[in-house]
Amino acid sequence: MDSIHVRAVSPPDLTGRAVELLAGDLCVLNLVVQPGAARHPDGDALAFDVLAGRANEVLLGLHGLGLDSRGSVVIEPVDLAYYGTAAEAGRRSLGRRAHAPIWAAVEARIRAQRGYAPSFYLYLVVAALIGAVGIVTNSQILIVGAMVVGPEYGAIVGVALGLDRGDRGAVRRGLTALVCGFLAAMLITFLFALLIRGFGLQSRAYDLGLQPVSHLIGTPDFFSVVVACLAGVVGIVSLTEARTGALLGVFISVTTIPAAADVSVSAAFEDWDKSWGSFLQLLLNVGVLVVVGTLALRAQRAAWQRIGRRRAGRGTD
């Protein structure tokens, strides 16, 4: 994302200061001011583009004026733009900051991931049921499918963002969604597994104790921690850079949904050791993803702030 387009509605008493802030910034382009043109909310209409590396500071400046609370601010990505020489001075002033993430957009993507509508719980239940079928049939393809369907990572990163921003409400809502969602998924999957056992629908290999999929899921170890840590880092970076392909890789690399499914399936078949192991696997992966996600967010913010301070220091020399 080379730049973003911002549309704003400004109360008339703030417009002068807002225009002064924007017009004096080399990285703000195509500034348009239309006094009294906006309705709902009423005010002056502002529109401008800003180079991505400067967007955080510009948006923070508008927030400091109270434009987002007294008026409105809408941010749109720009897929293609030709600024010509108008943007050259701004790009030179940014240096490495030209590639800085736009934190308002990052947080918006994370908030979009953490929707806890009824469909969140439906997806969780369906994913666990698909995982249960994969376990009793020893089908790794179905396990991968269950991981892709599962929506739990959105709640996990929502908790991580809440911890990073000190938002207790977001942390509480995310944890509640995870606990209630996984409990509902495991209960329904347990009943489904009892049905499978009652009618003898499990594979013969599973009946004979040849359960490679279940064994892998139900034995948390050092490598489980390593994969969860790496996936946590990649997940946050992919959300920061809006790379959906990498985010999909996170979904299919961490054993959360399969572990929840195996808790229920193993319990239904009275394999208590494996059920307990899968429960530990679930707690381990969710906990590691939350902690690593929070640390990764903070590390990225700190790194880009340091780059910005270095660039500003060189600019004043």
Protein backbone atom coordinates (compact mmCIF):
# COMPACT_ATOMS: atom_id res chain seq x y z
CA MET A 1 0.00 0.00 0.00
CA ASP A 2 1.81 3.12 -1.26
CA SER A 3 -0.83 5.58 -0.07
CA ILE A 4 -4.30 5.85 1.42
CA HIS A 5 -7.23 8.10 0.61
CA VAL A 6 -8.94 9.85 3.51
CA ARG A 7 -12.40 11.42 3.52
CA ALA A 8 -13.29 13.49 6.55
CA VAL A 9 -16.07 15.71 7.81
CA SER A 10 -14.83 18.58 9.96
CA PRO A 11 -16.84 20.93 12.19
CA PRO A 12 -16.27 24.47 10.84
CA ASP A 13 -14.37 25.55 13.96
CA LEU A 14 -11.79 22.74 13.42
CA THR A 15 -11.40 23.06 9.65
CA GLY A 16 -8.77 25.80 9.73
CA ARG A 17 -6.49 23.85 12.05
CA ALA A 18 -7.06 20.62 10.12
CA VAL A 19 -6.22 22.25 6.79
CA GLU A 20 -3.12 23.87 8.30
CA LEU A 21 -1.98 20.47 9.59
CA LEU A 22 -2.55 18.76 6.24
CA ALA A 23 -1.33 21.48 3.88
CA GLY A 24 1.96 21.75 5.75
CA ASP A 25 2.82 18.08 5.31
CA LEU A 26 4.89 17.07 2.27
CA CYS A 27 3.30 13.60 2.30
CA VAL A 28 -0.28 14.88 2.01
CA LEU A 29 -1.42 15.17 -1.60
CA ASN A 30 -4.57 16.12 -3.51
CA LEU A 31 -6.07 18.04 -0.59
CA VAL A 32 -9.64 19.19 -1.35
CA VAL A 33 -11.71 21.36 1.01
CA GLN A 34 -15.45 21.90 0.47
CA PRO A 35 -16.94 24.23 3.11
CA GLY A 36 -20.40 23.22 4.29
CA ALA A 37 -20.70 20.38 1.79
CA ALA A 38 -21.19 17.48 4.21
CA ARG A 39 -24.37 16.18 5.85
CA HIS A 40 -24.82 13.58 8.60
CA PRO A 41 -22.64 14.74 10.22
CA ASP A 42 -22.90 18.32 9.02
CA GLY A 43 -19.69 20.20 8.37
CA ASP A 44 -16.92 20.85 5.90
CA ALA A 45 -15.86 18.01 3.59
CA LEU A 46 -12.15 17.23 3.40
CA ALA A 47 -10.49 14.74 1.06
CA PHE A 48 -6.82 14.00 0.58
CA ASP A 49 -4.25 11.30 -0.09
CA VAL A 50 -1.35 10.59 2.23
CA LEU A 51 1.72 8.46 1.63
CA ALA A 52 1.47 5.29 3.70
CA GLY A 53 4.67 5.89 5.64
CA ARG A 54 3.31 9.17 7.00
CA ALA A 55 -0.28 8.05 7.55
CA ASN A 56 0.13 7.16 11.23
CA GLU A 57 1.30 10.65 12.16
CA VAL A 58 -1.35 12.39 10.02
CA LEU A 59 -4.18 10.29 11.45
CA LEU A 60 -2.85 10.84 14.96
CA GLY A 61 -2.83 14.59 14.30
CA LEU A 62 -6.46 14.52 13.18
CA HIS A 63 -7.34 12.49 16.26
CA GLY A 64 -5.59 15.09 18.42
CA LEU A 65 -7.84 17.77 16.91
CA GLY A 66 -10.89 15.66 17.76
CA LEU A 67 -11.90 15.31 14.11
CA ASP A 68 -12.76 11.62 14.47
CA SER A 69 -15.03 12.20 17.50
CA ARG A 70 -16.71 15.48 16.49
CA GLY A 71 -16.87 14.72 12.77
CA SER A 72 -15.90 11.57 10.91
CA VAL A 73 -12.87 10.04 9.23
CA VAL A 74 -13.03 7.35 6.53
CA ILE A 75 -9.88 5.61 5.27
CA GLU A 76 -9.68 3.85 1.91
CA PRO A 77 -6.74 1.99 0.34
CA VAL A 78 -5.42 3.29 -2.98
CA ASP A 79 -4.69 0.45 -5.39
CA LEU A 80 -3.09 2.59 -8.09
CA ALA A 81 -2.08 6.25 -8.22
CA TYR A 82 0.20 8.45 -10.34
CA TYR A 83 1.45 11.34 -8.25
CA GLY A 84 4.42 12.25 -10.43
CA THR A 85 6.84 14.81 -9.00
CA ALA A 86 4.29 15.94 -6.40
CA ALA A 87 5.18 13.05 -4.11
CA GLU A 88 8.95 12.97 -4.60
CA ALA A 89 9.81 15.26 -1.68
CA GLY A 90 7.51 13.33 0.60
CA ARG A 91 8.98 9.99 -0.40
CA ARG A 92 12.53 11.27 0.16
CA SER A 93 11.58 12.52 3.63
CA LEU A 94 10.16 9.12 4.60
CA GLY A 95 13.10 6.85 3.76
CA ARG A 96 12.51 3.41 5.25
CA ARG A 97 9.31 4.64 6.91
CA ALA A 98 7.65 4.46 3.49
CA HIS A 99 6.97 0.78 4.28
CA ALA A 100 5.64 1.34 7.81
CA PRO A 101 2.31 -0.34 8.57
CA ILE A 102 -0.74 1.88 9.02
CA TRP A 103 -1.75 0.94 12.53
CA ALA A 104 -5.33 2.14 12.19
CA ALA A 105 -5.75 -0.24 9.24
CA VAL A 106 -3.98 -3.08 11.09
CA GLU A 107 -6.29 -2.73 14.08
CA ALA A 108 -9.31 -2.52 11.79
CA ARG A 109 -8.27 -5.82 10.15
CA ILE A 110 -7.86 -7.45 13.56
CA ARG A 111 -11.23 -6.15 14.73
CA ALA A 112 -12.79 -7.51 11.55
CA GLN A 113 -11.28 -10.92 12.42
CA ARG A 114 -12.79 -10.96 15.90
CA GLY A 115 -16.49 -10.82 15.06
CA TYR A 116 -18.43 -12.93 17.59
CA ALA A 117 -21.72 -13.20 15.72
CA PRO A 118 -23.66 -16.48 15.88
CA SER A 119 -21.80 -17.56 12.75
CA PHE A 120 -18.54 -17.57 14.77
CA TYR A 121 -19.90 -20.34 16.99
CA LEU A 122 -21.47 -22.15 14.04
CA TYR A 123 -18.13 -22.23 12.18
CA LEU A 124 -16.40 -23.46 15.33
CA VAL A 125 -18.87 -26.31 15.80
CA VAL A 126 -18.78 -27.30 12.13
CA ALA A 127 -14.97 -27.21 12.10
CA ALA A 128 -14.84 -29.47 15.17
CA LEU A 129 -17.29 -31.94 13.58
CA ILE A 130 -15.17 -32.08 10.41
CA GLY A 131 -12.13 -32.63 12.63
CA ALA A 132 -13.90 -35.47 14.42
CA VAL A 133 -14.60 -37.22 11.11
CA GLY A 134 -10.95 -36.76 10.17
CA ILE A 135 -9.84 -38.30 13.46
CA VAL A 136 -12.03 -41.43 13.31
CA THR A 137 -11.17 -41.99 9.64
CA ASN A 138 -7.47 -41.06 10.02
CA SER A 139 -7.89 -38.47 7.25
CA GLN A 140 -5.28 -35.72 7.37
CA ILE A 141 -7.07 -33.88 4.55
CA LEU A 142 -10.19 -33.49 6.69
CA ILE A 143 -8.06 -32.28 9.62
CA VAL A 144 -6.57 -29.58 7.39
CA GLY A 145 -10.07 -28.69 6.19
CA ALA A 146 -11.24 -28.32 9.78
CA MET A 147 -8.32 -26.00 10.52
CA VAL A 148 -9.19 -23.78 7.57
CA VAL A 149 -12.89 -23.57 8.53
CA GLY A 150 -12.16 -22.74 12.18
CA PRO A 151 -12.60 -19.02 13.05
CA GLU A 152 -10.81 -19.10 16.39
CA TYR A 153 -7.70 -17.21 15.27
CA GLY A 154 -9.76 -14.05 14.91
CA ALA A 155 -10.70 -14.21 18.59
CA ILE A 156 -7.11 -15.03 19.55
CA VAL A 157 -5.67 -11.96 17.80
CA GLY A 158 -8.53 -9.90 19.23
CA VAL A 159 -7.37 -10.87 22.71
CA ALA A 160 -3.76 -10.12 21.74
CA LEU A 161 -4.73 -6.64 20.49
CA GLY A 162 -6.74 -6.04 23.65
CA LEU A 163 -3.72 -6.92 25.79
CA ASP A 164 -1.46 -4.73 23.65
CA ARG A 165 -3.82 -1.74 23.90
CA GLY A 166 -4.84 -2.33 27.53
CA ASP A 167 -8.46 -2.85 26.46
CA ARG A 168 -9.90 -5.13 29.13
CA GLY A 169 -13.28 -5.25 27.43
CA ALA A 170 -11.79 -6.64 24.23
CA VAL A 171 -9.79 -9.22 26.20
CA ARG A 172 -12.86 -10.29 28.14
CA ARG A 173 -15.04 -10.56 25.04
CA GLY A 174 -12.39 -12.53 23.16
CA LEU A 175 -11.77 -14.98 25.99
CA THR A 176 -15.50 -15.43 26.55
CA ALA A 177 -16.01 -16.19 22.86
CA LEU A 178 -13.16 -18.71 22.88
CA VAL A 179 -14.28 -20.48 26.05
CA CYS A 180 -17.97 -20.61 25.14
CA GLY A 181 -17.25 -21.48 21.52
CA PHE A 182 -14.85 -24.32 22.28
CA LEU A 183 -17.11 -25.71 25.03
CA ALA A 184 -20.09 -25.74 22.65
CA ALA A 185 -18.00 -27.30 19.89
CA MET A 186 -16.60 -30.00 22.19
CA LEU A 187 -20.01 -30.85 23.66
CA ILE A 188 -21.70 -31.23 20.25
CA THR A 189 -18.68 -33.13 18.90
CA PHE A 190 -18.79 -35.46 21.93
CA LEU A 191 -22.43 -36.29 21.19
CA PHE A 192 -21.53 -36.82 17.52
CA ALA A 193 -18.66 -39.12 18.51
CA LEU A 194 -20.99 -41.14 20.76
CA LEU A 195 -23.26 -41.58 17.76
CA ILE A 196 -20.31 -42.78 15.65
CA ARG A 197 -19.28 -45.23 18.35
CA GLY A 198 -22.84 -46.44 18.92
CA PHE A 199 -23.34 -47.33 15.27
CA GLY A 200 -19.78 -48.55 14.78
CA LEU A 201 -19.03 -46.00 12.04
CA GLN A 202 -15.37 -45.45 12.95
CA SER A 203 -12.68 -46.89 10.68
CA ARG A 204 -11.37 -50.37 11.42
CA ALA A 205 -7.87 -48.99 11.87
CA TYR A 206 -9.14 -46.58 14.54
CA ASP A 207 -10.89 -49.48 16.28
CA LEU A 208 -7.64 -51.47 16.29
CA GLY A 209 -5.75 -48.60 17.90
CA LEU A 210 -4.01 -47.41 14.71
CA GLN A 211 -4.68 -43.72 15.25
CA PRO A 212 -1.76 -41.68 13.85
CA VAL A 213 -3.83 -38.51 13.46
CA SER A 214 -5.24 -38.68 16.97
CA HIS A 215 -1.84 -39.58 18.42
CA LEU A 216 -0.21 -36.57 16.76
CA ILE A 217 -2.92 -34.22 18.03
CA GLY A 218 -3.00 -35.60 21.57
CA THR A 219 0.72 -35.46 22.35
CA PRO A 220 1.84 -31.88 23.00
CA ASP A 221 5.61 -31.50 22.98
CA PHE A 222 8.46 -29.08 22.31
CA PHE A 223 7.62 -28.91 18.63
CA SER A 224 4.04 -27.90 19.43
CA VAL A 225 5.40 -24.85 21.22
CA VAL A 226 7.83 -24.03 18.40
CA VAL A 227 5.13 -24.23 15.71
CA ALA A 228 2.68 -22.17 17.79
CA CYS A 229 5.34 -19.48 18.40
CA LEU A 230 6.27 -19.27 14.73
CA ALA A 231 2.62 -19.24 13.65
CA GLY A 232 1.88 -16.50 16.17
CA VAL A 233 4.61 -14.28 14.72
CA VAL A 234 3.63 -14.98 11.11
CA GLY A 235 -0.05 -14.43 11.89
CA ILE A 236 0.52 -10.94 13.30
CA VAL A 237 2.96 -9.96 10.54
CA SER A 238 0.53 -11.17 7.86
CA LEU A 239 -2.27 -9.12 9.41
CA THR A 240 0.08 -6.13 9.59
CA GLU A 241 0.97 -6.45 5.92
CA ALA A 242 -2.49 -7.67 4.78
CA ARG A 243 -1.03 -10.90 3.37
CA THR A 244 -3.96 -13.32 3.35
CA GLY A 245 -1.92 -16.18 1.89
CA ALA A 246 0.43 -16.24 4.86
CA LEU A 247 -2.53 -15.94 7.24
CA LEU A 248 -4.12 -19.03 5.69
CA GLY A 249 -0.88 -20.87 6.43
CA VAL A 250 -1.30 -19.98 10.10
CA PHE A 251 -4.79 -21.49 10.12
CA ILE A 252 -3.51 -24.86 8.91
CA SER A 253 -0.37 -25.04 11.04
CA VAL A 254 -1.66 -24.76 14.60
CA THR A 255 -3.55 -27.54 16.36
CA THR A 256 -6.52 -25.84 18.01
CA ILE A 257 -9.69 -27.10 16.29
CA PRO A 258 -8.30 -30.65 15.84
CA ALA A 259 -7.30 -30.70 19.51
CA ALA A 260 -10.79 -29.65 20.59
CA ALA A 261 -12.30 -32.33 18.34
CA ASP A 262 -9.95 -35.00 19.71
CA VAL A 263 -10.85 -34.11 23.30
CA SER A 264 -14.44 -35.07 22.50
CA VAL A 265 -13.72 -38.08 20.27
CA SER A 266 -11.24 -39.63 22.70
CA ALA A 267 -13.63 -39.06 25.60
CA ALA A 268 -16.47 -40.69 23.68
CA PHE A 269 -14.24 -43.74 23.06
CA GLU A 270 -13.10 -43.63 26.72
CA ASP A 271 -9.46 -42.94 25.90
CA TRP A 272 -8.96 -40.55 28.79
CA ASP A 273 -5.18 -40.14 28.45
CA LYS A 274 -5.48 -39.02 24.85
CA SER A 275 -8.43 -36.77 25.67
CA TRP A 276 -6.40 -35.07 28.41
CA GLY A 277 -3.41 -34.74 26.10
CA SER A 278 -5.54 -33.07 23.44
CA PHE A 279 -6.98 -30.70 26.04
CA LEU A 280 -3.46 -29.70 27.05
CA GLN A 281 -2.59 -29.25 23.37
CA LEU A 282 -5.55 -26.91 22.96
CA LEU A 283 -4.65 -24.80 26.00
CA LEU A 284 -0.98 -24.72 24.98
CA ASN A 285 -1.65 -23.53 21.44
CA VAL A 286 -4.23 -20.90 22.35
CA GLY A 287 -2.07 -19.58 25.19
CA VAL A 288 1.10 -19.41 23.09
CA LEU A 289 -0.70 -17.72 20.20
CA VAL A 290 -2.11 -15.04 22.51
CA VAL A 291 1.21 -14.34 24.24
CA VAL A 292 3.30 -14.38 21.05
CA GLY A 293 0.71 -12.29 19.20
CA THR A 294 0.79 -9.62 21.91
CA LEU A 295 4.60 -9.55 21.96
CA ALA A 296 4.78 -9.45 18.15
CA LEU A 297 2.44 -6.46 18.02
CA ARG A 298 4.47 -4.58 20.61
CA ALA A 299 7.77 -5.48 18.95
CA GLN A 300 6.58 -4.20 15.57
CA ARG A 301 5.32 -0.94 17.03
CA ALA A 302 8.60 -0.43 18.89
CA ALA A 303 10.70 -1.24 15.82
CA TRP A 304 8.86 1.20 13.55
CA GLN A 305 8.89 3.91 16.22
CA ARG A 306 12.65 3.48 16.50
CA ILE A 307 13.02 3.76 12.73
CA GLY A 308 10.92 6.92 12.80
CA ARG A 309 13.02 8.49 15.57
CA ARG A 310 16.23 7.68 13.72
CA ARG A 311 14.89 9.24 10.52
CA ALA A 312 13.71 12.32 12.40
CA GLY A 313 17.11 12.62 14.10
CA ARG A 314 18.93 12.54 10.77
CA GLY A 315 16.48 15.05 9.37
CA THR A 316 17.39 17.57 12.06
CA ASP A 317 21.13 17.19 11.61
